[in-house]
Amino acid sequence: MRILYFFFAVFVFLFQISPGYTQPPPLEDTIACRSLAGFCKAGACPPTHVVSGTCHGGLLNCCKKDIFS
């Protein structure tokens, strides 16, 4: 019966998710938004910001501080 515990431990060890797993690299439009001092937001931008593009492949808005407010 102890051999089942051993096989279960080996099975869990072999099929665990690697702790070094990282997210995929950001998309080009996200990098462009952040390089222009913007941030990505779902929905409308805050009142003192304007939409200056998109992020995450067009799923989010790139918000940037409005210089005229």
N, C-alpha and C. Protein backbone atom coordinates (compact mmCIF):
# COMPACT_ATOMS: atom_id res chain seq x y z
N MET A 1 0.81 -1.20 0.00
CA MET A 1 0.00 0.00 0.00
C MET A 1 0.87 1.27 0.00
N ARG A 2 2.06 1.17 0.60
CA ARG A 2 2.93 2.35 0.64
C ARG A 2 3.42 2.73 -0.76
N ILE A 3 3.48 1.78 -1.65
CA ILE A 3 3.95 2.07 -3.00
C ILE A 3 2.99 3.01 -3.73
N LEU A 4 1.71 2.96 -3.40
CA LEU A 4 0.73 3.88 -4.01
C LEU A 4 1.00 5.32 -3.59
N TYR A 5 1.35 5.51 -2.32
CA TYR A 5 1.70 6.86 -1.86
C TYR A 5 2.94 7.38 -2.59
N PHE A 6 3.90 6.50 -2.81
CA PHE A 6 5.11 6.88 -3.52
C PHE A 6 4.78 7.27 -4.97
N PHE A 7 3.98 6.45 -5.65
CA PHE A 7 3.62 6.76 -7.03
C PHE A 7 2.79 8.05 -7.13
N PHE A 8 1.92 8.27 -6.16
CA PHE A 8 1.14 9.50 -6.15
C PHE A 8 2.05 10.71 -5.99
N ALA A 9 3.04 10.63 -5.09
CA ALA A 9 3.98 11.73 -4.88
C ALA A 9 4.79 12.00 -6.15
N VAL A 10 5.24 10.95 -6.81
CA VAL A 10 6.00 11.11 -8.06
C VAL A 10 5.10 11.72 -9.14
N PHE A 11 3.86 11.26 -9.22
CA PHE A 11 2.92 11.79 -10.20
C PHE A 11 2.68 13.28 -9.99
N VAL A 12 2.45 13.70 -8.76
CA VAL A 12 2.22 15.12 -8.46
C VAL A 12 3.48 15.92 -8.77
N PHE A 13 4.62 15.39 -8.42
CA PHE A 13 5.88 16.10 -8.68
C PHE A 13 6.12 16.31 -10.17
N LEU A 14 5.83 15.30 -10.97
CA LEU A 14 6.09 15.39 -12.41
C LEU A 14 5.12 16.32 -13.13
N PHE A 15 3.90 16.44 -12.64
CA PHE A 15 2.88 17.20 -13.37
C PHE A 15 2.50 18.52 -12.69
N GLN A 16 3.32 18.99 -11.78
CA GLN A 16 3.01 20.27 -11.15
C GLN A 16 3.37 21.41 -12.11
N ILE A 17 2.75 22.55 -11.89
CA ILE A 17 3.06 23.73 -12.69
C ILE A 17 4.38 24.29 -12.19
N SER A 18 5.22 24.64 -13.11
CA SER A 18 6.54 25.15 -12.75
C SER A 18 6.42 26.47 -12.01
N PRO A 19 7.13 26.65 -10.88
CA PRO A 19 7.03 27.91 -10.14
C PRO A 19 7.65 29.09 -10.89
N GLY A 20 8.44 28.83 -11.92
CA GLY A 20 9.05 29.90 -12.68
C GLY A 20 8.20 30.35 -13.86
N TYR A 21 6.95 29.90 -13.92
CA TYR A 21 6.07 30.27 -15.03
C TYR A 21 5.80 31.77 -15.00
N THR A 22 5.95 32.40 -16.14
CA THR A 22 5.70 33.84 -16.23
C THR A 22 4.60 34.11 -17.24
N GLN A 23 4.09 35.30 -17.20
CA GLN A 23 3.06 35.71 -18.14
C GLN A 23 3.70 35.94 -19.50
N PRO A 24 2.90 35.86 -20.57
CA PRO A 24 3.46 36.15 -21.89
C PRO A 24 3.92 37.61 -21.97
N PRO A 25 4.86 37.90 -22.84
CA PRO A 25 5.34 39.28 -22.94
C PRO A 25 4.21 40.22 -23.38
N PRO A 26 4.26 41.48 -22.95
CA PRO A 26 3.21 42.42 -23.32
C PRO A 26 3.19 42.70 -24.83
N LEU A 27 2.05 43.07 -25.33
CA LEU A 27 1.89 43.36 -26.75
C LEU A 27 2.51 44.71 -27.09
N GLU A 28 2.73 44.94 -28.38
CA GLU A 28 3.40 46.16 -28.83
C GLU A 28 2.64 47.42 -28.45
N ASP A 29 1.29 47.39 -28.56
CA ASP A 29 0.54 48.59 -28.23
C ASP A 29 0.60 48.90 -26.74
N THR A 30 0.73 47.88 -25.91
CA THR A 30 0.87 48.10 -24.46
C THR A 30 2.21 48.73 -24.15
N ILE A 31 3.26 48.28 -24.81
CA ILE A 31 4.59 48.86 -24.61
C ILE A 31 4.60 50.31 -25.07
N ALA A 32 3.95 50.59 -26.21
CA ALA A 32 3.90 51.96 -26.72
C ALA A 32 3.13 52.87 -25.77
N CYS A 33 2.05 52.36 -25.20
CA CYS A 33 1.25 53.16 -24.27
C CYS A 33 2.07 53.51 -23.03
N ARG A 34 2.74 52.54 -22.47
CA ARG A 34 3.51 52.79 -21.25
C ARG A 34 4.74 53.65 -21.51
N SER A 35 5.29 53.58 -22.71
CA SER A 35 6.45 54.41 -23.02
C SER A 35 6.06 55.88 -23.16
N LEU A 36 4.78 56.15 -23.41
CA LEU A 36 4.30 57.53 -23.51
C LEU A 36 3.68 58.01 -22.20
N ALA A 37 4.05 57.41 -21.08
CA ALA A 37 3.56 57.75 -19.75
C ALA A 37 2.06 57.54 -19.62
N GLY A 38 1.56 56.50 -20.27
CA GLY A 38 0.14 56.17 -20.16
C GLY A 38 -0.05 54.91 -19.35
N PHE A 39 -1.31 54.54 -19.14
CA PHE A 39 -1.64 53.31 -18.45
C PHE A 39 -2.86 52.69 -19.11
N CYS A 40 -3.00 51.39 -18.95
CA CYS A 40 -4.08 50.64 -19.58
C CYS A 40 -5.26 50.54 -18.61
N LYS A 41 -6.49 50.73 -19.14
CA LYS A 41 -7.68 50.67 -18.30
C LYS A 41 -8.84 50.14 -19.11
N ALA A 42 -9.61 49.25 -18.49
CA ALA A 42 -10.84 48.77 -19.12
C ALA A 42 -11.93 49.82 -18.90
N GLY A 43 -12.64 50.16 -19.93
CA GLY A 43 -13.69 51.17 -19.81
C GLY A 43 -13.15 52.57 -20.01
N ALA A 44 -13.90 53.53 -19.50
CA ALA A 44 -13.53 54.93 -19.69
C ALA A 44 -12.35 55.33 -18.82
N CYS A 45 -11.60 56.30 -19.30
CA CYS A 45 -10.47 56.83 -18.54
C CYS A 45 -10.98 57.74 -17.42
N PRO A 46 -10.17 57.97 -16.39
CA PRO A 46 -10.56 58.90 -15.33
C PRO A 46 -10.80 60.30 -15.90
N PRO A 47 -11.50 61.16 -15.16
CA PRO A 47 -11.87 62.49 -15.68
C PRO A 47 -10.71 63.36 -16.15
N THR A 48 -9.55 63.26 -15.54
CA THR A 48 -8.43 64.13 -15.93
C THR A 48 -7.53 63.49 -16.98
N HIS A 49 -7.97 62.39 -17.58
CA HIS A 49 -7.19 61.68 -18.59
C HIS A 49 -7.99 61.53 -19.88
N VAL A 50 -7.28 61.34 -20.97
CA VAL A 50 -7.92 61.13 -22.27
C VAL A 50 -7.43 59.81 -22.86
N VAL A 51 -8.23 59.24 -23.76
CA VAL A 51 -7.85 58.02 -24.45
C VAL A 51 -6.83 58.38 -25.52
N SER A 52 -5.66 57.74 -25.47
CA SER A 52 -4.62 58.06 -26.45
C SER A 52 -4.26 56.85 -27.30
N GLY A 53 -5.02 55.77 -27.21
CA GLY A 53 -4.75 54.57 -28.00
C GLY A 53 -5.37 53.35 -27.34
N THR A 54 -4.82 52.19 -27.65
CA THR A 54 -5.33 50.95 -27.08
C THR A 54 -4.19 50.15 -26.45
N CYS A 55 -4.58 49.16 -25.66
CA CYS A 55 -3.64 48.25 -25.01
C CYS A 55 -4.15 46.82 -25.16
N HIS A 56 -3.25 45.88 -24.96
CA HIS A 56 -3.58 44.45 -24.97
C HIS A 56 -4.33 44.05 -26.24
N GLY A 57 -3.81 44.48 -27.36
CA GLY A 57 -4.39 44.10 -28.64
C GLY A 57 -5.74 44.74 -28.92
N GLY A 58 -6.00 45.90 -28.37
CA GLY A 58 -7.25 46.61 -28.60
C GLY A 58 -8.34 46.32 -27.59
N LEU A 59 -8.05 45.53 -26.58
CA LEU A 59 -9.07 45.19 -25.58
C LEU A 59 -9.25 46.29 -24.52
N LEU A 60 -8.20 47.06 -24.26
CA LEU A 60 -8.24 48.09 -23.22
C LEU A 60 -7.90 49.45 -23.82
N ASN A 61 -8.24 50.50 -23.10
CA ASN A 61 -7.89 51.87 -23.52
C ASN A 61 -6.56 52.26 -22.91
N CYS A 62 -5.80 53.02 -23.67
CA CYS A 62 -4.57 53.63 -23.14
C CYS A 62 -4.95 55.03 -22.69
N CYS A 63 -4.83 55.29 -21.41
CA CYS A 63 -5.19 56.59 -20.84
C CYS A 63 -3.93 57.39 -20.56
N LYS A 64 -4.01 58.67 -20.90
CA LYS A 64 -2.87 59.57 -20.70
C LYS A 64 -3.38 60.86 -20.10
N LYS A 65 -2.57 61.49 -19.27
CA LYS A 65 -2.94 62.74 -18.60
C LYS A 65 -3.27 63.80 -19.65
N ASP A 66 -4.41 64.45 -19.49
CA ASP A 66 -4.82 65.50 -20.40
C ASP A 66 -4.06 66.77 -20.06
N ILE A 67 -3.28 67.30 -21.01
CA ILE A 67 -2.47 68.48 -20.74
C ILE A 67 -3.29 69.77 -20.74
N PHE A 68 -4.53 69.71 -21.22
CA PHE A 68 -5.36 70.92 -21.30
C PHE A 68 -6.29 71.07 -20.12
N SER A 69 -6.26 70.14 -19.17
CA SER A 69 -7.20 70.26 -18.03
C SER A 69 -6.54 70.84 -16.82
